[in-house]
PDB file of N, CA and C in Angstrom:
ATOM      1  N   UNK A   1     143.707 234.763 -15.494  1.00  0.00           N
ATOM      2  CA  UNK A   1     142.640 234.239 -16.001  1.00  0.00           C
ATOM      3  C   UNK A   1     141.838 234.618 -16.168  1.00  0.00           C
ATOM      4  N   UNK A   2     141.187 235.168 -18.008  1.00  0.00           N
ATOM      5  CA  UNK A   2     140.198 235.507 -18.075  1.00  0.00           C
ATOM      6  C   UNK A   2     138.917 234.367 -18.396  1.00  0.00           C
ATOM      7  N   UNK A   3     137.495 234.856 -17.878  1.00  0.00           N
ATOM      8  CA  UNK A   3     136.565 233.689 -17.932  1.00  0.00           C
ATOM      9  C   UNK A   3     135.784 234.788 -18.887  1.00  0.00           C
ATOM     10  N   UNK A   4     134.970 234.013 -19.800  1.00  0.00           N
ATOM     11  CA  UNK A   4     133.677 234.385 -21.145  1.00  0.00           C
ATOM     12  C   UNK A   4     132.529 233.654 -20.396  1.00  0.00           C
ATOM     13  N   UNK A   5     131.842 233.645 -20.321  1.00  0.00           N
ATOM     14  CA  UNK A   5     130.324 232.480 -19.833  1.00  0.00           C
ATOM     15  C   UNK A   5     129.430 232.435 -20.709  1.00  0.00           C
ATOM     16  N   UNK A   6     128.612 232.183 -21.251  1.00  0.00           N
ATOM     17  CA  UNK A   6     127.455 232.284 -22.631  1.00  0.00           C
ATOM     18  C   UNK A   6     126.522 231.494 -21.945  1.00  0.00           C
ATOM     19  N   UNK A   7     125.242 232.019 -22.129  1.00  0.00           N
ATOM     20  CA  UNK A   7     123.746 230.745 -22.418  1.00  0.00           C
ATOM     21  C   UNK A   7     123.169 231.244 -23.580  1.00  0.00           C
ATOM     22  N   UNK A   8     123.735 232.027 -24.362  1.00  0.00           N
ATOM     23  CA  UNK A   8     123.673 231.518 -25.752  1.00  0.00           C
ATOM     24  C   UNK A   8     124.627 231.895 -26.554  1.00  0.00           C
ATOM     25  N   UNK A   9     124.158 231.364 -27.845  1.00  0.00           N
ATOM     26  CA  UNK A   9     125.214 231.656 -28.852  1.00  0.00           C
ATOM     27  C   UNK A   9     125.808 233.006 -28.879  1.00  0.00           C
ATOM     28  N   UNK A  10     127.313 233.123 -28.930  1.00  0.00           N
ATOM     29  CA  UNK A  10     128.340 234.634 -29.396  1.00  0.00           C
ATOM     30  C   UNK A  10     129.298 234.193 -29.636  1.00  0.00           C
ATOM     31  N   UNK A  11     130.199 235.215 -29.627  1.00  0.00           N
ATOM     32  CA  UNK A  11     131.686 234.898 -29.721  1.00  0.00           C
ATOM     33  C   UNK A  11     132.642 235.304 -28.793  1.00  0.00           C
ATOM     34  N   UNK A  12     133.457 234.843 -28.230  1.00  0.00           N
ATOM     35  CA  UNK A  12     134.581 235.385 -26.975  1.00  0.00           C
ATOM     36  C   UNK A  12     135.134 236.556 -27.808  1.00  0.00           C
ATOM     37  N   UNK A  13     135.684 237.557 -26.439  1.00  0.00           N
ATOM     38  CA  UNK A  13     136.579 238.337 -26.597  1.00  0.00           C
ATOM     39  C   UNK A  13     137.678 238.240 -26.494  1.00  0.00           C
ATOM     40  N   UNK A  14     138.124 237.457 -25.492  1.00  0.00           N
ATOM     41  CA  UNK A  14     139.873 236.588 -25.357  1.00  0.00           C
ATOM     42  C   UNK A  14     140.090 235.639 -26.518  1.00  0.00           C
ATOM     43  N   UNK A  15     141.321 235.487 -27.033  1.00  0.00           N
ATOM     44  CA  UNK A  15     141.661 234.706 -27.619  1.00  0.00           C
ATOM     45  C   UNK A  15     142.872 233.994 -26.972  1.00  0.00           C
ATOM     46  N   UNK A  16     143.856 233.244 -27.637  1.00  0.00           N
ATOM     47  CA  UNK A  16     145.144 232.595 -27.406  1.00  0.00           C
ATOM     48  C   UNK A  16     144.643 231.336 -26.635  1.00  0.00           C
ATOM     49  N   UNK A  17     144.956 231.273 -25.797  1.00  0.00           N
ATOM     50  CA  UNK A  17     144.974 229.891 -25.010  1.00  0.00           C
ATOM     51  C   UNK A  17     143.958 229.502 -23.632  1.00  0.00           C
ATOM     52  N   UNK A  18     143.278 228.223 -24.098  1.00  0.00           N
ATOM     53  CA  UNK A  18     142.313 228.126 -23.479  1.00  0.00           C
ATOM     54  C   UNK A  18     142.755 227.739 -22.167  1.00  0.00           C
ATOM     55  N   UNK A  19     142.260 227.261 -21.226  1.00  0.00           N
ATOM     56  CA  UNK A  19     142.974 226.325 -19.835  1.00  0.00           C
ATOM     57  C   UNK A  19     141.641 225.311 -19.854  1.00  0.00           C
ATOM     58  N   UNK A  20     140.064 225.503 -20.130  1.00  0.00           N
ATOM     59  CA  UNK A  20     139.041 224.736 -19.185  1.00  0.00           C
ATOM     60  C   UNK A  20     138.192 225.107 -19.871  1.00  0.00           C
ATOM     61  N   UNK A  21     136.919 224.164 -20.158  1.00  0.00           N
ATOM     62  CA  UNK A  21     135.622 224.775 -20.593  1.00  0.00           C
ATOM     63  C   UNK A  21     134.919 224.043 -19.290  1.00  0.00           C
ATOM     64  N   UNK A  22     133.837 224.421 -18.936  1.00  0.00           N
ATOM     65  CA  UNK A  22     132.870 223.783 -18.084  1.00  0.00           C
ATOM     66  C   UNK A  22     131.469 224.460 -18.706  1.00  0.00           C
ATOM     67  N   UNK A  23     130.451 223.371 -18.534  1.00  0.00           N
ATOM     68  CA  UNK A  23     129.825 223.364 -19.457  1.00  0.00           C
ATOM     69  C   UNK A  23     128.776 222.833 -18.333  1.00  0.00           C
ATOM     70  N   UNK A  24     127.573 223.916 -17.825  1.00  0.00           N
ATOM     71  CA  UNK A  24     127.104 223.242 -16.231  1.00  0.00           C
ATOM     72  C   UNK A  24     124.805 223.901 -16.350  1.00  0.00           C
ATOM     73  N   UNK A  25     124.265 223.149 -15.747  1.00  0.00           N
ATOM     74  CA  UNK A  25     122.723 224.016 -15.790  1.00  0.00           C
ATOM     75  C   UNK A  25     122.078 222.472 -15.391  1.00  0.00           C
ATOM     76  N   UNK A  26     120.695 223.404 -15.352  1.00  0.00           N
ATOM     77  CA  UNK A  26     119.398 222.684 -15.805  1.00  0.00           C
ATOM     78  C   UNK A  26     119.222 221.749 -17.019  1.00  0.00           C
ATOM     79  N   UNK A  27     119.239 220.819 -17.691  1.00  0.00           N
ATOM     80  CA  UNK A  27     119.551 220.436 -18.994  1.00  0.00           C
ATOM     81  C   UNK A  27     118.822 219.283 -19.073  1.00  0.00           C
ATOM     82  N   UNK A  28     118.297 218.618 -20.200  1.00  0.00           N
ATOM     83  CA  UNK A  28     117.137 217.859 -20.370  1.00  0.00           C
ATOM     84  C   UNK A  28     118.026 216.648 -21.420  1.00  0.00           C
ATOM     85  N   UNK A  29     118.273 214.909 -21.061  1.00  0.00           N
ATOM     86  CA  UNK A  29     118.818 214.337 -22.284  1.00  0.00           C
ATOM     87  C   UNK A  29     118.513 214.627 -23.554  1.00  0.00           C
ATOM     88  N   UNK A  30     119.806 215.378 -24.396  1.00  0.00           N
ATOM     89  CA  UNK A  30     119.733 215.359 -25.500  1.00  0.00           C
ATOM     90  C   UNK A  30     120.270 217.266 -26.250  1.00  0.00           C
ATOM     91  N   UNK A  31     120.332 217.568 -24.760  1.00  0.00           N
ATOM     92  CA  UNK A  31     120.569 219.132 -25.068  1.00  0.00           C
ATOM     93  C   UNK A  31     122.005 218.883 -25.082  1.00  0.00           C
ATOM     94  N   UNK A  32     122.614 220.601 -26.287  1.00  0.00           N
ATOM     95  CA  UNK A  32     123.747 220.404 -26.631  1.00  0.00           C
ATOM     96  C   UNK A  32     124.757 221.613 -26.471  1.00  0.00           C
ATOM     97  N   UNK A  33     125.817 221.619 -26.446  1.00  0.00           N
ATOM     98  CA  UNK A  33     126.626 222.649 -26.418  1.00  0.00           C
ATOM     99  C   UNK A  33     128.109 222.565 -27.248  1.00  0.00           C
ATOM    100  N   UNK A  34     127.856 223.089 -28.083  1.00  0.00           N
ATOM    101  CA  UNK A  34     129.312 223.467 -29.467  1.00  0.00           C
ATOM    102  C   UNK A  34     129.842 224.862 -29.441  1.00  0.00           C
ATOM    103  N   UNK A  35     131.251 224.083 -29.481  1.00  0.00           N
ATOM    104  CA  UNK A  35     132.335 225.882 -29.476  1.00  0.00           C
ATOM    105  C   UNK A  35     132.866 225.156 -30.891  1.00  0.00           C
ATOM    106  N   UNK A  36     133.404 226.180 -31.499  1.00  0.00           N
ATOM    107  CA  UNK A  36     133.816 226.197 -32.965  1.00  0.00           C
ATOM    108  C   UNK A  36     135.317 227.393 -32.840  1.00  0.00           C
ATOM    109  N   UNK A  37     136.280 227.084 -33.537  1.00  0.00           N
ATOM    110  CA  UNK A  37     137.185 227.964 -33.705  1.00  0.00           C
ATOM    111  C   UNK A  37     136.125 229.148 -34.670  1.00  0.00           C
ATOM    112  N   UNK A  38     137.179 230.575 -33.756  1.00  0.00           N
ATOM    113  CA  UNK A  38     135.993 231.683 -35.079  1.00  0.00           C
ATOM    114  C   UNK A  38     136.620 231.804 -36.121  1.00  0.00           C
ATOM    115  N   UNK A  39     138.165 231.433 -36.094  1.00  0.00           N
ATOM    116  CA  UNK A  39     138.677 231.781 -37.656  1.00  0.00           C
ATOM    117  C   UNK A  39     138.237 230.703 -38.806  1.00  0.00           C
ATOM    118  N   UNK A  40     138.890 228.994 -38.420  1.00  0.00           N
ATOM    119  CA  UNK A  40     137.966 228.589 -39.323  1.00  0.00           C
ATOM    120  C   UNK A  40     137.029 227.827 -39.168  1.00  0.00           C
ATOM    121  N   UNK A  41     136.312 227.699 -38.324  1.00  0.00           N
ATOM    122  CA  UNK A  41     135.116 227.140 -38.464  1.00  0.00           C
ATOM    123  C   UNK A  41     135.212 225.541 -37.865  1.00  0.00           C
ATOM    124  N   UNK A  42     136.382 225.101 -37.689  1.00  0.00           N
ATOM    125  CA  UNK A  42     136.029 223.479 -37.266  1.00  0.00           C
ATOM    126  C   UNK A  42     136.110 223.364 -35.530  1.00  0.00           C
ATOM    127  N   UNK A  43     135.872 221.870 -35.403  1.00  0.00           N
ATOM    128  CA  UNK A  43     135.179 222.019 -34.159  1.00  0.00           C
ATOM    129  C   UNK A  43     136.072 221.892 -32.610  1.00  0.00           C
ATOM    130  N   UNK A  44     135.586 222.875 -31.990  1.00  0.00           N
ATOM    131  CA  UNK A  44     136.874 222.954 -30.836  1.00  0.00           C
ATOM    132  C   UNK A  44     136.587 222.556 -29.732  1.00  0.00           C
ATOM    133  N   UNK A  45     135.155 222.344 -29.217  1.00  0.00           N
ATOM    134  CA  UNK A  45     134.781 221.135 -28.056  1.00  0.00           C
ATOM    135  C   UNK A  45     132.874 220.859 -28.735  1.00  0.00           C
ATOM    136  N   UNK A  46     132.461 219.714 -28.055  1.00  0.00           N
ATOM    137  CA  UNK A  46     131.467 219.715 -27.692  1.00  0.00           C
ATOM    138  C   UNK A  46     130.665 218.523 -26.694  1.00  0.00           C
ATOM    139  N   UNK A  47     129.502 219.278 -26.106  1.00  0.00           N
ATOM    140  CA  UNK A  47     129.138 217.839 -25.360  1.00  0.00           C
ATOM    141  C   UNK A  47     127.417 217.911 -25.489  1.00  0.00           C
ATOM    142  N   UNK A  48     127.318 216.738 -25.024  1.00  0.00           N
ATOM    143  CA  UNK A  48     125.546 216.286 -25.020  1.00  0.00           C
ATOM    144  C   UNK A  48     125.271 215.944 -23.745  1.00  0.00           C
ATOM    145  N   UNK A  49     124.602 216.514 -22.971  1.00  0.00           N
ATOM    146  CA  UNK A  49     124.086 215.882 -22.109  1.00  0.00           C
ATOM    147  C   UNK A  49     122.877 214.899 -21.984  1.00  0.00           C
ATOM    148  N   UNK A  50     123.132 214.388 -20.644  1.00  0.00           N
ATOM    149  CA  UNK A  50     122.908 212.250 -21.266  1.00  0.00           C
ATOM    150  C   UNK A  50     121.316 212.295 -19.674  1.00  0.00           C
ATOM    151  N   UNK A  51     121.061 213.460 -19.417  1.00  0.00           N
ATOM    152  CA  UNK A  51     120.167 213.651 -18.230  1.00  0.00           C
ATOM    153  C   UNK A  51     119.300 215.442 -17.960  1.00  0.00           C
ATOM    154  N   UNK A  52     119.205 215.452 -16.661  1.00  0.00           N
ATOM    155  CA  UNK A  52     119.260 216.416 -16.029  1.00  0.00           C
ATOM    156  C   UNK A  52     120.640 217.164 -15.392  1.00  0.00           C
ATOM    157  N   UNK A  53     120.679 218.346 -14.795  1.00  0.00           N
ATOM    158  CA  UNK A  53     121.617 218.873 -14.313  1.00  0.00           C
ATOM    159  C   UNK A  53     122.966 218.368 -15.039  1.00  0.00           C
ATOM    160  N   UNK A  54     123.582 218.617 -15.911  1.00  0.00           N
ATOM    161  CA  UNK A  54     124.541 218.957 -16.820  1.00  0.00           C
ATOM    162  C   UNK A  54     125.774 219.707 -15.669  1.00  0.00           C
ATOM    163  N   UNK A  55     126.760 218.799 -15.832  1.00  0.00           N
ATOM    164  CA  UNK A  55     128.306 219.139 -15.254  1.00  0.00           C
ATOM    165  C   UNK A  55     129.635 218.358 -15.980  1.00  0.00           C
ATOM    166  N   UNK A  56     129.979 219.349 -17.288  1.00  0.00           N
ATOM    167  CA  UNK A  56     130.383 218.587 -18.280  1.00  0.00           C
ATOM    168  C   UNK A  56     131.646 219.790 -18.425  1.00  0.00           C
ATOM    169  N   UNK A  57     133.014 218.819 -19.136  1.00  0.00           N
ATOM    170  CA  UNK A  57     133.943 219.922 -19.581  1.00  0.00           C
ATOM    171  C   UNK A  57     134.878 219.190 -19.862  1.00  0.00           C
ATOM    172  N   UNK A  58     135.739 219.819 -19.960  1.00  0.00           N
ATOM    173  CA  UNK A  58     137.537 219.566 -20.158  1.00  0.00           C
ATOM    174  C   UNK A  58     138.375 220.054 -19.426  1.00  0.00           C
ATOM    175  N   UNK A  59     139.319 219.886 -18.944  1.00  0.00           N
ATOM    176  CA  UNK A  59     140.624 220.775 -19.063  1.00  0.00           C
ATOM    177  C   UNK A  59     141.809 219.889 -19.692  1.00  0.00           C
ATOM    178  N   UNK A  60     142.993 221.422 -20.539  1.00  0.00           N
ATOM    179  CA  UNK A  60     143.801 221.175 -21.300  1.00  0.00           C
ATOM    180  C   UNK A  60     144.898 221.171 -20.730  1.00  0.00           C
ATOM    181  N   UNK A  61     145.964 220.259 -20.863  1.00  0.00           N
ATOM    182  CA  UNK A  61     147.420 220.052 -19.872  1.00  0.00           C
ATOM    183  C   UNK A  61     148.585 221.426 -20.472  1.00  0.00           C
ATOM    184  N   UNK A  62     149.527 221.486 -20.398  1.00  0.00           N
ATOM    185  CA  UNK A  62     150.033 222.608 -20.374  1.00  0.00           C
ATOM    186  C   UNK A  62     149.734 223.493 -20.688  1.00  0.00           C
ATOM    187  N   UNK A  63     150.415 224.531 -22.078  1.00  0.00           N
ATOM    188  CA  UNK A  63     150.424 225.771 -21.796  1.00  0.00           C
ATOM    189  C   UNK A  63     148.668 226.199 -22.540  1.00  0.00           C
ATOM    190  N   UNK A  64     147.884 224.661 -22.309  1.00  0.00           N
ATOM    191  CA  UNK A  64     145.926 225.133 -23.148  1.00  0.00           C
ATOM    192  C   UNK A  64     146.056 224.600 -24.533  1.00  0.00           C
ATOM    193  N   UNK A  65     144.836 224.610 -25.027  1.00  0.00           N
ATOM    194  CA  UNK A  65     144.360 224.657 -26.485  1.00  0.00           C
ATOM    195  C   UNK A  65     144.448 225.816 -26.688  1.00  0.00           C
ATOM    196  N   UNK A  66     145.488 225.966 -28.376  1.00  0.00           N
ATOM    197  CA  UNK A  66     145.307 227.582 -28.905  1.00  0.00           C
ATOM    198  C   UNK A  66     143.716 227.681 -29.465  1.00  0.00           C
ATOM    199  N   UNK A  67     143.322 228.705 -29.553  1.00  0.00           N
ATOM    200  CA  UNK A  67     142.729 229.720 -30.147  1.00  0.00           C
ATOM    201  C   UNK A  67     142.786 231.190 -30.385  1.00  0.00           C
ATOM    202  N   UNK A  68     143.485 230.600 -31.249  1.00  0.00           N
ATOM    203  CA  UNK A  68     144.110 232.330 -31.827  1.00  0.00           C
ATOM    204  C   UNK A  68     142.865 233.851 -32.634  1.00  0.00           C
ATOM    205  N   UNK A  69     141.654 233.341 -32.989  1.00  0.00           N
ATOM    206  CA  UNK A  69     141.178 234.000 -33.010  1.00  0.00           C
ATOM    207  C   UNK A  69     139.564 234.182 -32.585  1.00  0.00           C
ATOM    208  N   UNK A  70     139.518 233.307 -30.986  1.00  0.00           N
ATOM    209  CA  UNK A  70     138.750 233.306 -30.454  1.00  0.00           C
ATOM    210  C   UNK A  70     137.896 232.114 -30.563  1.00  0.00           C
ATOM    211  N   UNK A  71     136.760 232.107 -29.532  1.00  0.00           N
ATOM    212  CA  UNK A  71     136.273 230.851 -29.994  1.00  0.00           C
ATOM    213  C   UNK A  71     134.589 231.520 -30.356  1.00  0.00           C
ATOM    214  N   UNK A  72     133.753 230.319 -31.199  1.00  0.00           N
ATOM    215  CA  UNK A  72     132.149 230.824 -30.925  1.00  0.00           C
ATOM    216  C   UNK A  72     131.636 230.097 -30.739  1.00  0.00           C
ATOM    217  N   UNK A  73     130.647 230.128 -29.165  1.00  0.00           N
ATOM    218  CA  UNK A  73     129.930 228.838 -29.151  1.00  0.00           C
ATOM    219  C   UNK A  73     128.405 228.929 -30.433  1.00  0.00           C
ATOM    220  N   UNK A  74     128.390 227.797 -30.671  1.00  0.00           N
ATOM    221  CA  UNK A  74     127.364 228.173 -32.178  1.00  0.00           C
ATOM    222  C   UNK A  74     125.966 227.656 -31.639  1.00  0.00           C
ATOM    223  N   UNK A  75     125.661 226.608 -30.597  1.00  0.00           N
ATOM    224  CA  UNK A  75     124.677 225.767 -30.198  1.00  0.00           C
ATOM    225  C   UNK A  75     124.842 224.978 -28.733  1.00  0.00           C
ATOM    226  N   UNK A  76     123.843 226.348 -27.462  1.00  0.00           N
ATOM    227  CA  UNK A  76     123.890 225.977 -26.333  1.00  0.00           C
ATOM    228  C   UNK A  76     122.256 225.741 -25.949  1.00  0.00           C
ATOM    229  N   UNK A  77     121.743 224.652 -26.055  1.00  0.00           N
ATOM    230  CA  UNK A  77     120.180 223.872 -25.807  1.00  0.00           C
ATOM    231  C   UNK A  77     119.966 224.984 -24.377  1.00  0.00           C
ATOM    232  N   UNK A  78     120.424 224.703 -22.987  1.00  0.00           N
ATOM    233  CA  UNK A  78     120.589 225.287 -21.877  1.00  0.00           C
ATOM    234  C   UNK A  78     121.735 224.827 -21.252  1.00  0.00           C
ATOM    235  N   UNK A  79     121.560 225.365 -19.610  1.00  0.00           N
ATOM    236  CA  UNK A  79     122.878 226.009 -18.844  1.00  0.00           C
ATOM    237  C   UNK A  79     123.578 227.325 -19.537  1.00  0.00           C
ATOM    238  N   UNK A  80     124.837 226.687 -19.073  1.00  0.00           N
ATOM    239  CA  UNK A  80     125.466 228.189 -19.105  1.00  0.00           C
ATOM    240  C   UNK A  80     126.877 227.057 -19.599  1.00  0.00           C
ATOM    241  N   UNK A  81     128.512 227.373 -20.381  1.00  0.00           N
ATOM    242  CA  UNK A  81     129.240 227.642 -21.035  1.00  0.00           C
ATOM    243  C   UNK A  81     130.285 228.892 -20.228  1.00  0.00           C
ATOM    244  N   UNK A  82     131.076 227.984 -19.452  1.00  0.00           N
ATOM    245  CA  UNK A  82     132.262 228.700 -19.335  1.00  0.00           C
ATOM    246  C   UNK A  82     133.484 228.351 -19.972  1.00  0.00           C
ATOM    247  N   UNK A  83     134.348 229.392 -20.145  1.00  0.00           N
ATOM    248  CA  UNK A  83     134.915 229.353 -20.998  1.00  0.00           C
ATOM    249  C   UNK A  83     136.361 230.046 -20.469  1.00  0.00           C
ATOM    250  N   UNK A  84     137.405 228.597 -19.960  1.00  0.00           N
ATOM    251  CA  UNK A  84     138.841 230.157 -19.512  1.00  0.00           C
ATOM    252  C   UNK A  84     140.020 230.124 -19.976  1.00  0.00           C
ATOM    253  N   UNK A  85     140.098 231.151 -20.630  1.00  0.00           N
ATOM    254  CA  UNK A  85     141.214 232.146 -21.035  1.00  0.00           C
ATOM    255  C   UNK A  85     142.337 231.706 -19.921  1.00  0.00           C
ATOM    256  N   UNK A  86     143.945 231.071 -20.319  1.00  0.00           N
ATOM    257  CA  UNK A  86     145.215 231.519 -19.593  1.00  0.00           C
ATOM    258  C   UNK A  86     145.972 233.185 -20.593  1.00  0.00           C
ATOM    259  N   UNK A  87     145.804 233.636 -19.102  1.00  0.00           N
ATOM    260  CA  UNK A  87     146.443 234.817 -19.478  1.00  0.00           C
ATOM    261  C   UNK A  87     147.594 234.673 -19.676  1.00  0.00           C
ATOM    262  N   UNK A  88     148.377 236.249 -21.129  1.00  0.00           N
ATOM    263  CA  UNK A  88     149.055 236.188 -21.477  1.00  0.00           C
ATOM    264  C   UNK A  88     150.349 236.749 -20.727  1.00  0.00           C
TER     265      UNK A  88
END
């Protein structure tokens, strides 16, 4: 499993299938994290903090969620987001 982590906007090196995403850290209500498909710009995942110390995310079942051209973290107000790619 390849894990990529971001505390600011950036593009993943890995591509393929995503097993899970976790966003955690010291936040305040209203902080956001948004991840889009690098290829077509559609939304992959988005989160909004409801208070301090956010810990939220998603785990995809089966083979995971396809991210052929990688992903782009377009916004992260606070904390760090971890993207877990399935090894092929």
